Protein backbone atom coordinates (compact mmCIF):
# COMPACT_ATOMS: atom_id res chain seq x y z
CA MET A 1 -2.98 0.43 -10.46
CA THR A 2 -3.80 -3.02 -8.31
CA THR A 3 -6.01 -5.45 -9.72
CA ALA A 4 -8.27 -8.09 -7.75
CA GLY A 5 -5.64 -10.80 -9.21
CA ASP A 6 -2.68 -9.21 -7.27
CA ASN A 7 -0.97 -11.30 -4.89
CA PHE A 8 -1.26 -9.93 -1.73
CA ALA A 9 -1.57 -10.65 2.07
CA GLY A 10 -3.75 -7.73 3.73
CA ALA A 11 -3.84 -4.02 3.48
CA LYS A 12 -3.52 -1.28 5.88
CA LEU A 13 -5.06 2.42 5.99
CA ALA A 14 -3.98 5.71 7.60
CA VAL A 15 -7.05 6.90 8.28
CA PHE A 16 -6.62 11.03 9.48
CA LEU A 17 -9.53 12.69 10.55
CA GLY A 18 -8.71 16.03 10.49
CA GLN A 19 -4.61 16.28 11.48
CA ASP A 20 -5.13 13.33 13.50
CA LEU A 21 -4.86 9.72 12.69
CA LEU A 22 -7.19 6.90 13.81
CA VAL A 23 -5.34 4.49 16.12
CA ILE A 24 -6.85 1.83 17.14
CA ARG A 25 -5.82 -0.10 20.24
CA ARG A 26 -4.64 -3.98 19.61
CA ASP A 27 -6.18 -6.52 22.40
CA ASP A 28 -3.68 -7.81 24.48
CA LYS A 29 -3.74 -11.47 23.85
CA PRO A 30 -0.15 -13.55 23.75
CA ASP A 31 -1.29 -15.25 20.39
CA ILE A 32 -1.38 -11.91 18.00
CA PRO A 33 1.63 -10.18 17.02
CA TYR A 34 1.84 -7.09 18.81
CA PRO A 35 -0.60 -7.28 21.68
CA GLY A 36 -1.52 -4.01 23.62
CA HIS A 37 0.23 -2.18 20.66
CA TRP A 38 -1.73 1.13 18.84
CA ASP A 39 -2.53 -0.03 14.99
CA LEU A 40 -4.24 1.16 11.69
CA PRO A 41 -7.03 0.03 10.28
CA GLY A 42 -6.92 -2.93 8.13
CA GLY A 43 -5.92 -6.45 8.00
CA GLY A 44 -5.98 -10.00 5.81
CA ARG A 45 -7.17 -10.38 2.39
CA GLU A 46 -10.59 -11.64 1.92
CA ALA A 47 -10.90 -14.17 -1.18
CA ASP A 48 -10.42 -12.45 -4.22
CA GLU A 49 -10.60 -8.57 -2.92
CA SER A 50 -8.32 -6.07 -4.53
CA PRO A 51 -5.80 -3.97 -2.29
CA ALA A 52 -8.54 -1.14 -1.93
CA ALA A 53 -11.17 -3.05 -1.23
CA CYS A 54 -9.58 -5.08 1.86
CA ALA A 55 -8.70 -1.34 2.79
CA LEU A 56 -11.73 -0.10 2.98
CA ARG A 57 -13.33 -3.11 4.27
CA GLU A 58 -11.39 -3.63 7.43
CA THR A 59 -11.69 -0.19 7.90
CA ARG A 60 -15.50 -0.13 7.73
CA GLU A 61 -15.44 -3.31 10.46
CA GLU A 62 -12.98 -1.82 12.86
CA VAL A 63 -14.08 1.70 13.26
CA GLY A 64 -17.37 1.89 11.45
CA LEU A 65 -16.25 4.29 8.60
CA VAL A 66 -17.59 4.10 5.33
CA LEU A 67 -15.02 5.00 2.56
CA ARG A 68 -15.32 5.53 -1.52
CA PRO A 69 -12.00 4.41 -2.64
CA GLU A 70 -11.70 7.42 -4.44
CA LEU A 71 -10.35 9.05 -1.21
CA LEU A 72 -7.61 6.40 -0.58
CA ILE A 73 -4.66 9.02 -1.78
CA TRP A 74 -1.82 7.40 -1.75
CA SER A 75 -0.52 4.10 -1.78
CA LYS A 76 2.40 1.53 -1.47
CA ALA A 77 3.30 -2.04 -1.50
CA TYR A 78 5.68 -3.47 0.95
CA GLN A 79 7.30 -6.71 1.54
CA ARG A 80 6.56 -8.40 5.21
CA PRO A 81 7.07 -12.00 6.05
CA HIS A 82 4.43 -12.93 6.27
CA GLY A 83 3.66 -11.67 2.36
CA ARG A 84 3.33 -8.41 0.38
CA VAL A 85 1.04 -5.79 2.43
CA TRP A 86 -0.58 -2.44 1.06
CA PHE A 87 -0.37 0.84 2.86
CA PHE A 88 -2.89 3.43 1.90
CA ALA A 89 -3.70 6.91 3.56
CA ALA A 90 -6.96 8.75 3.29
CA HIS A 91 -7.99 12.16 4.95
CA LEU A 92 -11.32 13.00 6.20
CA PRO A 93 -12.95 16.07 7.69
CA ALA A 94 -11.98 16.49 11.44
CA GLU A 95 -15.87 15.95 12.31
CA THR A 96 -15.80 12.32 10.76
CA VAL A 97 -15.03 11.31 14.03
CA SER A 98 -18.62 11.43 14.78
CA ALA A 99 -19.15 8.21 12.48
CA VAL A 100 -16.75 6.34 13.90
CA ARG A 101 -18.22 3.04 15.33
CA PHE A 102 -15.47 0.84 17.34
CA GLY A 103 -16.36 -2.82 16.33
CA ASN A 104 -15.49 -6.07 17.80
CA GLU A 105 -11.77 -6.26 17.26
CA GLY A 106 -8.90 -4.12 20.03
CA GLN A 107 -9.68 -2.59 23.29
CA GLY A 108 -10.65 0.58 21.77
CA TRP A 109 -9.40 3.80 19.19
CA ALA A 110 -8.11 7.11 20.12
CA LEU A 111 -7.13 10.16 18.09
CA MET A 112 -3.07 10.57 17.98
CA ALA A 113 -1.12 13.11 15.78
CA PRO A 114 0.96 11.51 13.20
CA GLU A 115 4.32 12.51 14.50
CA ALA A 116 3.20 11.09 17.95
CA TYR A 117 2.33 7.49 16.46
CA CYS A 118 5.65 7.43 14.80
CA ALA A 119 7.37 8.42 17.81
CA HIS A 120 5.15 6.36 20.63
CA PRO A 121 6.56 3.08 21.84
CA LEU A 122 4.11 1.08 21.73
CA ALA A 123 3.42 1.72 17.87
CA VAL A 124 3.43 -1.24 15.29
CA PRO A 125 7.29 -0.66 14.56
CA HIS A 126 6.45 -1.34 10.30
CA PHE A 127 3.37 1.04 10.09
CA ALA A 128 4.95 3.33 11.75
CA ASP A 129 8.10 3.36 9.31
CA ARG A 130 5.42 3.44 6.66
CA LEU A 131 3.75 6.59 7.71
CA ARG A 132 6.63 8.37 8.40
CA GLU A 133 7.22 7.43 4.76
CA TYR A 134 4.10 8.58 3.65
CA LEU A 135 4.44 12.07 5.74
CA ALA A 136 8.23 12.69 3.76
CA ALA A 137 6.14 11.79 0.56
CA ARG A 138 2.66 13.70 0.52
CA PRO A 139 2.19 16.98 -0.25
CA VAL A 140 1.88 19.79 1.81
């Protein structure tokens, strides 16, 4: 279990709407990592928030979905060059798509089959790796 005092840099959330994955097209700016790539909701930690609170806040800001912490069904921390990052997964009904409200970061959003994301040449590579790991571990 994670606590607010855990040392981490940020968190990402694989949000499934029905069978599809909610993805965000990153801005196409040369000063950001992976410009123009398909990303997942999430980002950097603010203040002393917990990993789950970080993932949920970023999801709310980026795609307008307000999720309860108990919807986070899987989590794992990974070491990245800038620090430890948490990866979460949540599954919501397909009709939740009507509640998506795109924020002010990125070029847009889409639904994508998770396998298609993992194979996409513009998927953020380490998030595709994390998603593959989740897909292999999740119960059928």
